[in-house]
């Protein structure tokens, strides 16, 4: 009888230990089709980083017909990736309780691209000239350029996400990402002028992780583990071997090539997209009140939100600035 009781206790202890090790299932939606700009998240899956943090993460690709912000607000995703700081503020404006918990990109990778040797080599020089941008950009960083450099909507030309019109007109200027369009253009024998919007003072974060206020209040440990593991994934992707993530990226998006992935990683490092600014001191994913306030002022000046909006509801610093991923040597 005594031996049977011991056996039952041991079995119970083992079952409890197994339950403690059970991984929490988490769904995460990215902002576009799989690419190097999502490399840290894919690395956290491929290298088992999420699993080490007790998470079973399902990554859902974004795309032109996918609105992960709506799915997050509807409770069909646990986390999603916002491409810029506008989206968290828009949630506040619409009284939707979603919150930014980390910013993996210290710099928005958006750029303007021009031909060399024609006088279009600075933001100031582009005032009054035709520029191809998309509809989302028109209500995004275009507002910053209007305010700072005096651009006007009369300059706007439609952008079809195809570089062919740019290539046939040496005076053409278009939007892009520092990690992708310049590569495609270079393959056609043109070395373009690349102007990073962030380097002109545009203070939007990029690759922002968002979740619900309910998740933060009820499961803060899960949020912390997801943020920490994502940060570790980005550090590993940029400063370790990115091949595990790249294999998954190419599986999800067969249009990706090794050359384009390598180019994107190199540009993210060159321009400090992930680990510059506050991230150099406080770790990847870092955010600050001052940075959010600065961006909010831009929105107010452009008439997008009232001056009395409680913009602080858009984000929390609870889960970042813990010096995770501060050193390229850290693994």
C-alpha atoms as a PDB file:
ATOM      1  CA  UNK A   1       0.000   0.000   0.000  1.00  0.00           C
ATOM      2  CA  UNK A   2       2.811   2.373   0.948  1.00  0.00           C
ATOM      3  CA  UNK A   3       4.669   1.618  -2.279  1.00  0.00           C
ATOM      4  CA  UNK A   4       1.498   2.223  -4.287  1.00  0.00           C
ATOM      5  CA  UNK A   5       1.039   5.631  -2.630  1.00  0.00           C
ATOM      6  CA  UNK A   6       4.645   6.543  -3.413  1.00  0.00           C
ATOM      7  CA  UNK A   7       4.123   5.534  -7.025  1.00  0.00           C
ATOM      8  CA  UNK A   8       0.966   7.619  -7.274  1.00  0.00           C
ATOM      9  CA  UNK A   9       2.751  10.650  -5.785  1.00  0.00           C
ATOM     10  CA  UNK A  10       5.670  10.259  -8.186  1.00  0.00           C
ATOM     11  CA  UNK A  11       3.317   9.913 -11.145  1.00  0.00           C
ATOM     12  CA  UNK A  12       1.445  13.013 -10.020  1.00  0.00           C
ATOM     13  CA  UNK A  13       4.661  14.987  -9.666  1.00  0.00           C
ATOM     14  CA  UNK A  14       5.782  13.944 -13.147  1.00  0.00           C
ATOM     15  CA  UNK A  15       2.413  14.886 -14.604  1.00  0.00           C
ATOM     16  CA  UNK A  16       2.595  18.277 -12.907  1.00  0.00           C
ATOM     17  CA  UNK A  17       6.096  18.830 -14.257  1.00  0.00           C
ATOM     18  CA  UNK A  18       4.912  17.899 -17.724  1.00  0.00           C
ATOM     19  CA  UNK A  19       2.027  20.352 -17.434  1.00  0.00           C
ATOM     20  CA  UNK A  20       4.426  23.074 -16.324  1.00  0.00           C
ATOM     21  CA  UNK A  21       6.512  22.453 -19.420  1.00  0.00           C
ATOM     22  CA  UNK A  22       3.511  22.600 -21.755  1.00  0.00           C
ATOM     23  CA  UNK A  23       3.967  25.320 -24.356  1.00  0.00           C
ATOM     24  CA  UNK A  24       1.489  28.162 -24.599  1.00  0.00           C
ATOM     25  CA  UNK A  25       0.017  28.401 -28.086  1.00  0.00           C
ATOM     26  CA  UNK A  26       0.430  31.868 -29.561  1.00  0.00           C
ATOM     27  CA  UNK A  27      -0.707  33.290 -32.914  1.00  0.00           C
ATOM     28  CA  UNK A  28       1.241  36.175 -34.469  1.00  0.00           C
ATOM     29  CA  UNK A  29       0.413  38.027 -37.675  1.00  0.00           C
ATOM     30  CA  UNK A  30       3.102  39.841 -39.681  1.00  0.00           C
ATOM     31  CA  UNK A  31       2.510  42.898 -41.851  1.00  0.00           C
ATOM     32  CA  UNK A  32       3.417  41.370 -45.231  1.00  0.00           C
ATOM     33  CA  UNK A  33       4.513  38.224 -47.024  1.00  0.00           C
ATOM     34  CA  UNK A  34       7.553  36.473 -45.527  1.00  0.00           C
ATOM     35  CA  UNK A  35      10.766  38.448 -46.034  1.00  0.00           C
ATOM     36  CA  UNK A  36      13.975  39.387 -44.236  1.00  0.00           C
ATOM     37  CA  UNK A  37      12.088  42.169 -42.484  1.00  0.00           C
ATOM     38  CA  UNK A  38      10.441  39.342 -40.499  1.00  0.00           C
ATOM     39  CA  UNK A  39      13.686  37.443 -40.055  1.00  0.00           C
ATOM     40  CA  UNK A  40      13.893  37.712 -36.271  1.00  0.00           C
ATOM     41  CA  UNK A  41      10.474  36.165 -35.786  1.00  0.00           C
ATOM     42  CA  UNK A  42      11.242  33.319 -38.167  1.00  0.00           C
ATOM     43  CA  UNK A  43      14.588  32.803 -36.454  1.00  0.00           C
ATOM     44  CA  UNK A  44      12.857  32.518 -33.080  1.00  0.00           C
ATOM     45  CA  UNK A  45      10.743  29.715 -34.540  1.00  0.00           C
ATOM     46  CA  UNK A  46      13.468  27.951 -36.523  1.00  0.00           C
ATOM     47  CA  UNK A  47      16.122  28.089 -33.789  1.00  0.00           C
ATOM     48  CA  UNK A  48      13.724  26.970 -31.056  1.00  0.00           C
ATOM     49  CA  UNK A  49      13.911  30.282 -29.189  1.00  0.00           C
ATOM     50  CA  UNK A  50      10.161  30.571 -28.733  1.00  0.00           C
ATOM     51  CA  UNK A  51      10.062  26.987 -27.489  1.00  0.00           C
ATOM     52  CA  UNK A  52      12.765  27.732 -24.920  1.00  0.00           C
ATOM     53  CA  UNK A  53      10.454  30.420 -23.622  1.00  0.00           C
ATOM     54  CA  UNK A  54       7.564  27.974 -23.392  1.00  0.00           C
ATOM     55  CA  UNK A  55       5.770  29.185 -26.526  1.00  0.00           C
ATOM     56  CA  UNK A  56       4.330  27.366 -29.520  1.00  0.00           C
ATOM     57  CA  UNK A  57       4.091  30.204 -32.032  1.00  0.00           C
ATOM     58  CA  UNK A  58       2.078  30.090 -35.244  1.00  0.00           C
ATOM     59  CA  UNK A  59       3.204  32.847 -37.608  1.00  0.00           C
ATOM     60  CA  UNK A  60       0.630  34.061 -40.106  1.00  0.00           C
ATOM     61  CA  UNK A  61       1.833  35.995 -43.127  1.00  0.00           C
ATOM     62  CA  UNK A  62       0.329  39.301 -44.081  1.00  0.00           C
ATOM     63  CA  UNK A  63      -0.346  40.490 -47.595  1.00  0.00           C
ATOM     64  CA  UNK A  64      -2.380  42.894 -49.727  1.00  0.00           C
ATOM     65  CA  UNK A  65      -5.687  41.216 -48.841  1.00  0.00           C
ATOM     66  CA  UNK A  66      -4.932  40.592 -45.160  1.00  0.00           C
ATOM     67  CA  UNK A  67      -5.738  42.989 -42.314  1.00  0.00           C
ATOM     68  CA  UNK A  68      -4.099  41.578 -39.210  1.00  0.00           C
ATOM     69  CA  UNK A  69      -4.904  44.716 -37.207  1.00  0.00           C
ATOM     70  CA  UNK A  70      -8.598  43.887 -37.585  1.00  0.00           C
ATOM     71  CA  UNK A  71      -7.978  40.241 -36.706  1.00  0.00           C
ATOM     72  CA  UNK A  72      -6.096  41.317 -33.571  1.00  0.00           C
ATOM     73  CA  UNK A  73      -8.906  43.659 -32.550  1.00  0.00           C
ATOM     74  CA  UNK A  74     -11.407  40.855 -33.130  1.00  0.00           C
ATOM     75  CA  UNK A  75      -9.451  38.496 -30.884  1.00  0.00           C
ATOM     76  CA  UNK A  76      -8.459  36.129 -33.697  1.00  0.00           C
ATOM     77  CA  UNK A  77      -4.746  36.847 -33.182  1.00  0.00           C
ATOM     78  CA  UNK A  78      -2.768  37.076 -29.948  1.00  0.00           C
ATOM     79  CA  UNK A  79      -0.159  39.469 -31.374  1.00  0.00           C
ATOM     80  CA  UNK A  80       0.374  41.315 -34.614  1.00  0.00           C
ATOM     81  CA  UNK A  81       3.078  43.406 -36.253  1.00  0.00           C
ATOM     82  CA  UNK A  82       2.312  47.036 -37.078  1.00  0.00           C
ATOM     83  CA  UNK A  83       4.588  48.598 -39.720  1.00  0.00           C
ATOM     84  CA  UNK A  84       4.546  52.076 -38.178  1.00  0.00           C
ATOM     85  CA  UNK A  85       3.508  54.183 -35.186  1.00  0.00           C
ATOM     86  CA  UNK A  86       0.334  55.425 -36.845  1.00  0.00           C
ATOM     87  CA  UNK A  87      -1.515  52.176 -36.174  1.00  0.00           C
ATOM     88  CA  UNK A  88      -1.267  52.111 -32.350  1.00  0.00           C
ATOM     89  CA  UNK A  89      -2.455  55.735 -32.254  1.00  0.00           C
ATOM     90  CA  UNK A  90      -5.337  54.899 -34.585  1.00  0.00           C
ATOM     91  CA  UNK A  91      -6.431  52.179 -32.152  1.00  0.00           C
ATOM     92  CA  UNK A  92      -6.557  54.787 -29.390  1.00  0.00           C
ATOM     93  CA  UNK A  93      -8.518  57.200 -31.580  1.00  0.00           C
ATOM     94  CA  UNK A  94     -11.071  54.462 -32.281  1.00  0.00           C
ATOM     95  CA  UNK A  95     -11.184  53.433 -28.594  1.00  0.00           C
ATOM     96  CA  UNK A  96      -9.931  49.921 -29.388  1.00  0.00           C
ATOM     97  CA  UNK A  97      -7.893  48.501 -26.468  1.00  0.00           C
ATOM     98  CA  UNK A  98      -4.793  47.374 -28.359  1.00  0.00           C
ATOM     99  CA  UNK A  99      -1.317  48.268 -27.133  1.00  0.00           C
ATOM    100  CA  UNK A 100       2.212  48.411 -28.598  1.00  0.00           C
ATOM    101  CA  UNK A 101       4.564  46.372 -26.396  1.00  0.00           C
ATOM    102  CA  UNK A 102       7.845  46.469 -28.366  1.00  0.00           C
ATOM    103  CA  UNK A 103       9.366  48.094 -31.459  1.00  0.00           C
ATOM    104  CA  UNK A 104      11.822  45.829 -33.257  1.00  0.00           C
ATOM    105  CA  UNK A 105      12.756  48.544 -35.768  1.00  0.00           C
ATOM    106  CA  UNK A 106      14.219  51.743 -34.338  1.00  0.00           C
ATOM    107  CA  UNK A 107      14.037  53.191 -37.850  1.00  0.00           C
ATOM    108  CA  UNK A 108      11.206  52.860 -40.321  1.00  0.00           C
ATOM    109  CA  UNK A 109      12.902  51.310 -43.407  1.00  0.00           C
ATOM    110  CA  UNK A 110      10.858  53.427 -45.843  1.00  0.00           C
ATOM    111  CA  UNK A 111      12.842  55.368 -48.448  1.00  0.00           C
ATOM    112  CA  UNK A 112      12.539  57.600 -51.467  1.00  0.00           C
ATOM    113  CA  UNK A 113      14.508  56.349 -54.455  1.00  0.00           C
ATOM    114  CA  UNK A 114      15.861  58.497 -57.295  1.00  0.00           C
ATOM    115  CA  UNK A 115      18.277  58.247 -60.198  1.00  0.00           C
ATOM    116  CA  UNK A 116      21.842  59.467 -59.690  1.00  0.00           C
ATOM    117  CA  UNK A 117      23.285  62.480 -61.435  1.00  0.00           C
ATOM    118  CA  UNK A 118      20.045  64.385 -62.104  1.00  0.00           C
ATOM    119  CA  UNK A 119      19.924  66.593 -59.024  1.00  0.00           C
ATOM    120  CA  UNK A 120      17.538  64.454 -56.985  1.00  0.00           C
ATOM    121  CA  UNK A 121      19.990  63.523 -54.271  1.00  0.00           C
ATOM    122  CA  UNK A 122      18.363  65.092 -51.184  1.00  0.00           C
ATOM    123  CA  UNK A 123      14.901  65.486 -49.659  1.00  0.00           C
ATOM    124  CA  UNK A 124      15.051  69.240 -50.137  1.00  0.00           C
ATOM    125  CA  UNK A 125      15.826  68.865 -53.848  1.00  0.00           C
ATOM    126  CA  UNK A 126      12.639  66.828 -54.392  1.00  0.00           C
ATOM    127  CA  UNK A 127      10.266  69.637 -53.403  1.00  0.00           C
ATOM    128  CA  UNK A 128       7.773  70.204 -56.216  1.00  0.00           C
ATOM    129  CA  UNK A 129       8.885  67.188 -58.260  1.00  0.00           C
ATOM    130  CA  UNK A 130       6.660  64.201 -59.151  1.00  0.00           C
ATOM    131  CA  UNK A 131       6.972  61.323 -56.672  1.00  0.00           C
ATOM    132  CA  UNK A 132       5.315  57.900 -56.959  1.00  0.00           C
ATOM    133  CA  UNK A 133       3.744  56.781 -53.671  1.00  0.00           C
ATOM    134  CA  UNK A 134       0.959  54.424 -52.608  1.00  0.00           C
ATOM    135  CA  UNK A 135      -2.331  55.239 -50.894  1.00  0.00           C
ATOM    136  CA  UNK A 136      -1.117  54.103 -47.457  1.00  0.00           C
ATOM    137  CA  UNK A 137       1.973  56.292 -47.735  1.00  0.00           C
ATOM    138  CA  UNK A 138      -0.153  59.309 -48.591  1.00  0.00           C
ATOM    139  CA  UNK A 139      -1.669  59.182 -45.088  1.00  0.00           C
ATOM    140  CA  UNK A 140       1.615  58.036 -43.527  1.00  0.00           C
ATOM    141  CA  UNK A 141       5.135  59.398 -43.786  1.00  0.00           C
ATOM    142  CA  UNK A 142       4.170  61.642 -46.713  1.00  0.00           C
ATOM    143  CA  UNK A 143       2.600  63.933 -44.103  1.00  0.00           C
ATOM    144  CA  UNK A 144       5.982  64.252 -42.409  1.00  0.00           C
ATOM    145  CA  UNK A 145       7.670  65.220 -45.687  1.00  0.00           C
ATOM    146  CA  UNK A 146       4.960  67.803 -46.376  1.00  0.00           C
ATOM    147  CA  UNK A 147       5.486  69.372 -42.992  1.00  0.00           C
ATOM    148  CA  UNK A 148       9.277  69.357 -42.991  1.00  0.00           C
ATOM    149  CA  UNK A 149      10.209  69.955 -46.633  1.00  0.00           C
ATOM    150  CA  UNK A 150       7.141  71.694 -48.034  1.00  0.00           C
ATOM    151  CA  UNK A 151       6.020  68.880 -50.317  1.00  0.00           C
ATOM    152  CA  UNK A 152       2.476  69.097 -51.689  1.00  0.00           C
ATOM    153  CA  UNK A 153      -0.100  66.548 -52.794  1.00  0.00           C
ATOM    154  CA  UNK A 154       0.207  67.956 -56.317  1.00  0.00           C
ATOM    155  CA  UNK A 155       3.531  66.067 -56.532  1.00  0.00           C
ATOM    156  CA  UNK A 156       1.929  62.672 -55.950  1.00  0.00           C
ATOM    157  CA  UNK A 157       1.876  60.127 -58.744  1.00  0.00           C
ATOM    158  CA  UNK A 158       0.446  56.610 -58.322  1.00  0.00           C
ATOM    159  CA  UNK A 159       2.833  53.860 -57.324  1.00  0.00           C
ATOM    160  CA  UNK A 160       1.932  50.358 -58.540  1.00  0.00           C
ATOM    161  CA  UNK A 161       4.672  48.514 -56.610  1.00  0.00           C
ATOM    162  CA  UNK A 162       6.473  47.905 -59.894  1.00  0.00           C
ATOM    163  CA  UNK A 163       9.885  49.469 -60.586  1.00  0.00           C
ATOM    164  CA  UNK A 164       9.471  49.450 -64.384  1.00  0.00           C
ATOM    165  CA  UNK A 165       8.198  53.080 -64.607  1.00  0.00           C
ATOM    166  CA  UNK A 166      11.153  54.178 -62.505  1.00  0.00           C
ATOM    167  CA  UNK A 167      13.693  52.409 -64.699  1.00  0.00           C
ATOM    168  CA  UNK A 168      12.505  54.019 -67.966  1.00  0.00           C
ATOM    169  CA  UNK A 169      12.501  57.608 -66.640  1.00  0.00           C
ATOM    170  CA  UNK A 170      15.714  59.032 -65.208  1.00  0.00           C
ATOM    171  CA  UNK A 171      13.762  61.804 -63.473  1.00  0.00           C
ATOM    172  CA  UNK A 172      11.380  59.384 -61.750  1.00  0.00           C
ATOM    173  CA  UNK A 173      11.241  59.201 -57.955  1.00  0.00           C
ATOM    174  CA  UNK A 174       9.428  56.486 -56.042  1.00  0.00           C
ATOM    175  CA  UNK A 175       8.857  55.101 -52.589  1.00  0.00           C
ATOM    176  CA  UNK A 176      10.349  51.824 -51.390  1.00  0.00           C
ATOM    177  CA  UNK A 177      11.973  49.919 -48.568  1.00  0.00           C
ATOM    178  CA  UNK A 178      15.709  50.239 -48.071  1.00  0.00           C
ATOM    179  CA  UNK A 179      15.839  46.441 -47.896  1.00  0.00           C
ATOM    180  CA  UNK A 180      14.129  45.549 -51.171  1.00  0.00           C
ATOM    181  CA  UNK A 181      13.426  47.972 -54.060  1.00  0.00           C
ATOM    182  CA  UNK A 182      17.017  49.263 -54.310  1.00  0.00           C
ATOM    183  CA  UNK A 183      18.165  45.649 -54.758  1.00  0.00           C
ATOM    184  CA  UNK A 184      15.707  45.078 -57.606  1.00  0.00           C
ATOM    185  CA  UNK A 185      16.782  48.314 -59.283  1.00  0.00           C
ATOM    186  CA  UNK A 186      20.469  47.494 -58.907  1.00  0.00           C
ATOM    187  CA  UNK A 187      19.859  44.188 -60.686  1.00  0.00           C
ATOM    188  CA  UNK A 188      18.868  46.252 -63.719  1.00  0.00           C
ATOM    189  CA  UNK A 189      22.183  48.104 -63.761  1.00  0.00           C
ATOM    190  CA  UNK A 190      21.149  51.289 -61.932  1.00  0.00           C
ATOM    191  CA  UNK A 191      22.680  52.311 -58.602  1.00  0.00           C
ATOM    192  CA  UNK A 192      19.940  54.535 -57.183  1.00  0.00           C
ATOM    193  CA  UNK A 193      20.004  57.411 -54.741  1.00  0.00           C
ATOM    194  CA  UNK A 194      18.408  56.059 -51.550  1.00  0.00           C
ATOM    195  CA  UNK A 195      16.994  58.514 -48.991  1.00  0.00           C
ATOM    196  CA  UNK A 196      15.913  56.965 -45.689  1.00  0.00           C
ATOM    197  CA  UNK A 197      12.926  58.876 -44.290  1.00  0.00           C
ATOM    198  CA  UNK A 198      14.012  58.113 -40.721  1.00  0.00           C
ATOM    199  CA  UNK A 199      17.340  59.878 -41.240  1.00  0.00           C
ATOM    200  CA  UNK A 200      15.431  63.078 -42.027  1.00  0.00           C
ATOM    201  CA  UNK A 201      13.897  63.032 -38.559  1.00  0.00           C
ATOM    202  CA  UNK A 202      10.842  60.843 -39.106  1.00  0.00           C
ATOM    203  CA  UNK A 203      10.386  59.293 -35.660  1.00  0.00           C
ATOM    204  CA  UNK A 204       8.017  56.416 -36.352  1.00  0.00           C
ATOM    205  CA  UNK A 205       8.997  53.009 -35.042  1.00  0.00           C
ATOM    206  CA  UNK A 206       8.721  49.962 -37.292  1.00  0.00           C
ATOM    207  CA  UNK A 207       7.887  46.290 -36.815  1.00  0.00           C
ATOM    208  CA  UNK A 208       5.864  47.114 -33.703  1.00  0.00           C
ATOM    209  CA  UNK A 209       4.490  44.187 -31.706  1.00  0.00           C
ATOM    210  CA  UNK A 210       0.921  44.816 -30.562  1.00  0.00           C
ATOM    211  CA  UNK A 211      -1.435  42.862 -28.344  1.00  0.00           C
ATOM    212  CA  UNK A 212      -4.673  43.450 -26.475  1.00  0.00           C
ATOM    213  CA  UNK A 213      -4.897  45.267 -23.167  1.00  0.00           C
ATOM    214  CA  UNK A 214      -6.727  42.191 -21.895  1.00  0.00           C
ATOM    215  CA  UNK A 215      -3.704  40.013 -22.707  1.00  0.00           C
ATOM    216  CA  UNK A 216      -1.398  42.426 -20.879  1.00  0.00           C
ATOM    217  CA  UNK A 217      -3.612  42.478 -17.804  1.00  0.00           C
ATOM    218  CA  UNK A 218      -4.389  38.762 -17.645  1.00  0.00           C
ATOM    219  CA  UNK A 219      -1.210  37.170 -19.023  1.00  0.00           C
ATOM    220  CA  UNK A 220       1.719  39.585 -18.605  1.00  0.00           C
ATOM    221  CA  UNK A 221       4.168  36.679 -18.249  1.00  0.00           C
ATOM    222  CA  UNK A 222       3.187  35.346 -21.678  1.00  0.00           C
ATOM    223  CA  UNK A 223       3.585  38.816 -23.218  1.00  0.00           C
ATOM    224  CA  UNK A 224       7.017  39.168 -21.620  1.00  0.00           C
ATOM    225  CA  UNK A 225       8.143  35.782 -22.893  1.00  0.00           C
ATOM    226  CA  UNK A 226       6.940  36.534 -26.407  1.00  0.00           C
ATOM    227  CA  UNK A 227       8.701  39.906 -26.453  1.00  0.00           C
ATOM    228  CA  UNK A 228      11.936  38.507 -24.980  1.00  0.00           C
ATOM    229  CA  UNK A 229      12.012  35.573 -27.391  1.00  0.00           C
ATOM    230  CA  UNK A 230      11.312  37.827 -30.385  1.00  0.00           C
ATOM    231  CA  UNK A 231      14.167  40.109 -29.333  1.00  0.00           C
ATOM    232  CA  UNK A 232      16.492  37.127 -29.018  1.00  0.00           C
ATOM    233  CA  UNK A 233      15.345  35.971 -32.440  1.00  0.00           C
ATOM    234  CA  UNK A 234      16.235  39.316 -33.998  1.00  0.00           C
ATOM    235  CA  UNK A 235      19.632  39.353 -32.325  1.00  0.00           C
ATOM    236  CA  UNK A 236      20.352  35.840 -33.562  1.00  0.00           C
ATOM    237  CA  UNK A 237      19.165  36.660 -37.085  1.00  0.00           C
ATOM    238  CA  UNK A 238      21.329  39.750 -37.465  1.00  0.00           C
ATOM    239  CA  UNK A 239      24.414  38.694 -35.514  1.00  0.00           C
ATOM    240  CA  UNK A 240      24.352  34.896 -35.805  1.00  0.00           C
ATOM    241  CA  UNK A 241      23.571  32.435 -38.576  1.00  0.00           C
ATOM    242  CA  UNK A 242      20.375  33.568 -40.363  1.00  0.00           C
ATOM    243  CA  UNK A 243      20.030  30.420 -42.464  1.00  0.00           C
ATOM    244  CA  UNK A 244      17.413  28.688 -40.238  1.00  0.00           C
ATOM    245  CA  UNK A 245      15.065  31.670 -40.567  1.00  0.00           C
ATOM    246  CA  UNK A 246      15.801  32.127 -44.263  1.00  0.00           C
ATOM    247  CA  UNK A 247      14.825  28.530 -44.969  1.00  0.00           C
ATOM    248  CA  UNK A 248      11.415  29.097 -43.375  1.00  0.00           C
ATOM    249  CA  UNK A 249      10.996  32.452 -45.120  1.00  0.00           C
ATOM    250  CA  UNK A 250      11.627  30.869 -48.529  1.00  0.00           C
ATOM    251  CA  UNK A 251       9.217  28.057 -47.680  1.00  0.00           C
ATOM    252  CA  UNK A 252       6.451  30.542 -46.853  1.00  0.00           C
ATOM    253  CA  UNK A 253       7.329  32.883 -49.719  1.00  0.00           C
ATOM    254  CA  UNK A 254       9.007  31.119 -52.685  1.00  0.00           C
ATOM    255  CA  UNK A 255       9.622  34.505 -54.357  1.00  0.00           C
ATOM    256  CA  UNK A 256      12.390  35.208 -51.846  1.00  0.00           C
ATOM    257  CA  UNK A 257      15.957  34.482 -52.975  1.00  0.00           C
ATOM    258  CA  UNK A 258      19.172  34.028 -51.016  1.00  0.00           C
ATOM    259  CA  UNK A 259      20.618  37.123 -52.712  1.00  0.00           C
ATOM    260  CA  UNK A 260      17.689  39.357 -51.743  1.00  0.00           C
ATOM    261  CA  UNK A 261      17.654  38.034 -48.163  1.00  0.00           C
ATOM    262  CA  UNK A 262      21.395  38.662 -47.794  1.00  0.00           C
ATOM    263  CA  UNK A 263      21.005  42.161 -49.245  1.00  0.00           C
ATOM    264  CA  UNK A 264      18.185  42.983 -46.826  1.00  0.00           C
ATOM    265  CA  UNK A 265      20.151  41.797 -43.792  1.00  0.00           C
ATOM    266  CA  UNK A 266      23.155  43.854 -44.888  1.00  0.00           C
ATOM    267  CA  UNK A 267      21.028  46.983 -45.328  1.00  0.00           C
ATOM    268  CA  UNK A 268      19.343  46.539 -41.944  1.00  0.00           C
ATOM    269  CA  UNK A 269      22.790  46.446 -40.376  1.00  0.00           C
ATOM    270  CA  UNK A 270      24.154  49.323 -42.469  1.00  0.00           C
ATOM    271  CA  UNK A 271      21.294  51.683 -41.628  1.00  0.00           C
ATOM    272  CA  UNK A 272      20.829  50.563 -38.024  1.00  0.00           C
ATOM    273  CA  UNK A 273      17.214  49.615 -38.615  1.00  0.00           C
ATOM    274  CA  UNK A 274      17.059  47.253 -35.610  1.00  0.00           C
ATOM    275  CA  UNK A 275      19.807  48.058 -33.129  1.00  0.00           C
ATOM    276  CA  UNK A 276      20.568  51.763 -33.383  1.00  0.00           C
ATOM    277  CA  UNK A 277      19.348  54.586 -31.160  1.00  0.00           C
ATOM    278  CA  UNK A 278      17.763  53.525 -27.877  1.00  0.00           C
ATOM    279  CA  UNK A 279      18.250  49.857 -28.785  1.00  0.00           C
ATOM    280  CA  UNK A 280      22.039  50.256 -28.570  1.00  0.00           C
ATOM    281  CA  UNK A 281      21.714  51.082 -24.886  1.00  0.00           C
ATOM    282  CA  UNK A 282      18.462  49.462 -23.778  1.00  0.00           C
ATOM    283  CA  UNK A 283      18.286  46.443 -26.062  1.00  0.00           C
ATOM    284  CA  UNK A 284      16.438  45.482 -29.231  1.00  0.00           C
ATOM    285  CA  UNK A 285      12.751  46.374 -29.103  1.00  0.00           C
ATOM    286  CA  UNK A 286      13.411  49.529 -27.039  1.00  0.00           C
ATOM    287  CA  UNK A 287      10.846  52.312 -26.875  1.00  0.00           C
ATOM    288  CA  UNK A 288      10.649  55.659 -25.049  1.00  0.00           C
ATOM    289  CA  UNK A 289       7.978  58.095 -23.950  1.00  0.00           C
ATOM    290  CA  UNK A 290       9.854  60.938 -25.649  1.00  0.00           C
ATOM    291  CA  UNK A 291       9.871  59.161 -29.014  1.00  0.00           C
ATOM    292  CA  UNK A 292       6.149  58.390 -28.900  1.00  0.00           C
ATOM    293  CA  UNK A 293       5.407  61.963 -27.838  1.00  0.00           C
ATOM    294  CA  UNK A 294       7.455  63.362 -30.720  1.00  0.00           C
ATOM    295  CA  UNK A 295       5.571  61.259 -33.246  1.00  0.00           C
ATOM    296  CA  UNK A 296       2.243  62.216 -31.697  1.00  0.00           C
ATOM    297  CA  UNK A 297       3.123  65.904 -32.159  1.00  0.00           C
ATOM    298  CA  UNK A 298       3.652  65.238 -35.877  1.00  0.00           C
ATOM    299  CA  UNK A 299       0.183  63.712 -36.130  1.00  0.00           C
ATOM    300  CA  UNK A 300      -1.418  66.592 -34.240  1.00  0.00           C
ATOM    301  CA  UNK A 301       0.303  69.164 -36.445  1.00  0.00           C
ATOM    302  CA  UNK A 302      -1.089  67.405 -39.512  1.00  0.00           C
ATOM    303  CA  UNK A 303      -4.578  67.412 -38.033  1.00  0.00           C
ATOM    304  CA  UNK A 304      -4.845  63.650 -37.761  1.00  0.00           C
ATOM    305  CA  UNK A 305      -5.641  63.539 -34.050  1.00  0.00           C
ATOM    306  CA  UNK A 306      -6.828  66.055 -31.432  1.00  0.00           C
ATOM    307  CA  UNK A 307      -4.346  67.572 -29.012  1.00  0.00           C
ATOM    308  CA  UNK A 308      -6.210  66.137 -26.038  1.00  0.00           C
ATOM    309  CA  UNK A 309      -6.108  62.481 -27.149  1.00  0.00           C
ATOM    310  CA  UNK A 310      -4.660  60.195 -24.474  1.00  0.00           C
ATOM    311  CA  UNK A 311      -1.874  58.944 -26.755  1.00  0.00           C
ATOM    312  CA  UNK A 312      -0.148  57.156 -23.839  1.00  0.00           C
ATOM    313  CA  UNK A 313      -2.748  54.398 -24.137  1.00  0.00           C
ATOM    314  CA  UNK A 314      -1.134  53.383 -27.428  1.00  0.00           C
ATOM    315  CA  UNK A 315       1.923  51.780 -25.859  1.00  0.00           C
ATOM    316  CA  UNK A 316       3.563  50.464 -22.707  1.00  0.00           C
ATOM    317  CA  UNK A 317       7.239  50.285 -21.755  1.00  0.00           C
ATOM    318  CA  UNK A 318       6.541  47.436 -19.322  1.00  0.00           C
ATOM    319  CA  UNK A 319       8.089  44.718 -21.477  1.00  0.00           C
ATOM    320  CA  UNK A 320      11.113  46.422 -23.082  1.00  0.00           C
ATOM    321  CA  UNK A 321      14.290  48.357 -22.243  1.00  0.00           C
ATOM    322  CA  UNK A 322      15.755  45.371 -20.369  1.00  0.00           C
ATOM    323  CA  UNK A 323      19.067  45.332 -22.276  1.00  0.00           C
ATOM    324  CA  UNK A 324      18.259  42.127 -24.156  1.00  0.00           C
ATOM    325  CA  UNK A 325      20.216  42.010 -27.421  1.00  0.00           C
ATOM    326  CA  UNK A 326      22.452  45.000 -26.739  1.00  0.00           C
ATOM    327  CA  UNK A 327      25.758  43.511 -27.906  1.00  0.00           C
ATOM    328  CA  UNK A 328      26.583  42.035 -31.332  1.00  0.00           C
ATOM    329  CA  UNK A 329      28.705  39.482 -29.474  1.00  0.00           C
ATOM    330  CA  UNK A 330      25.755  38.316 -27.379  1.00  0.00           C
ATOM    331  CA  UNK A 331      24.283  35.030 -28.535  1.00  0.00           C
END
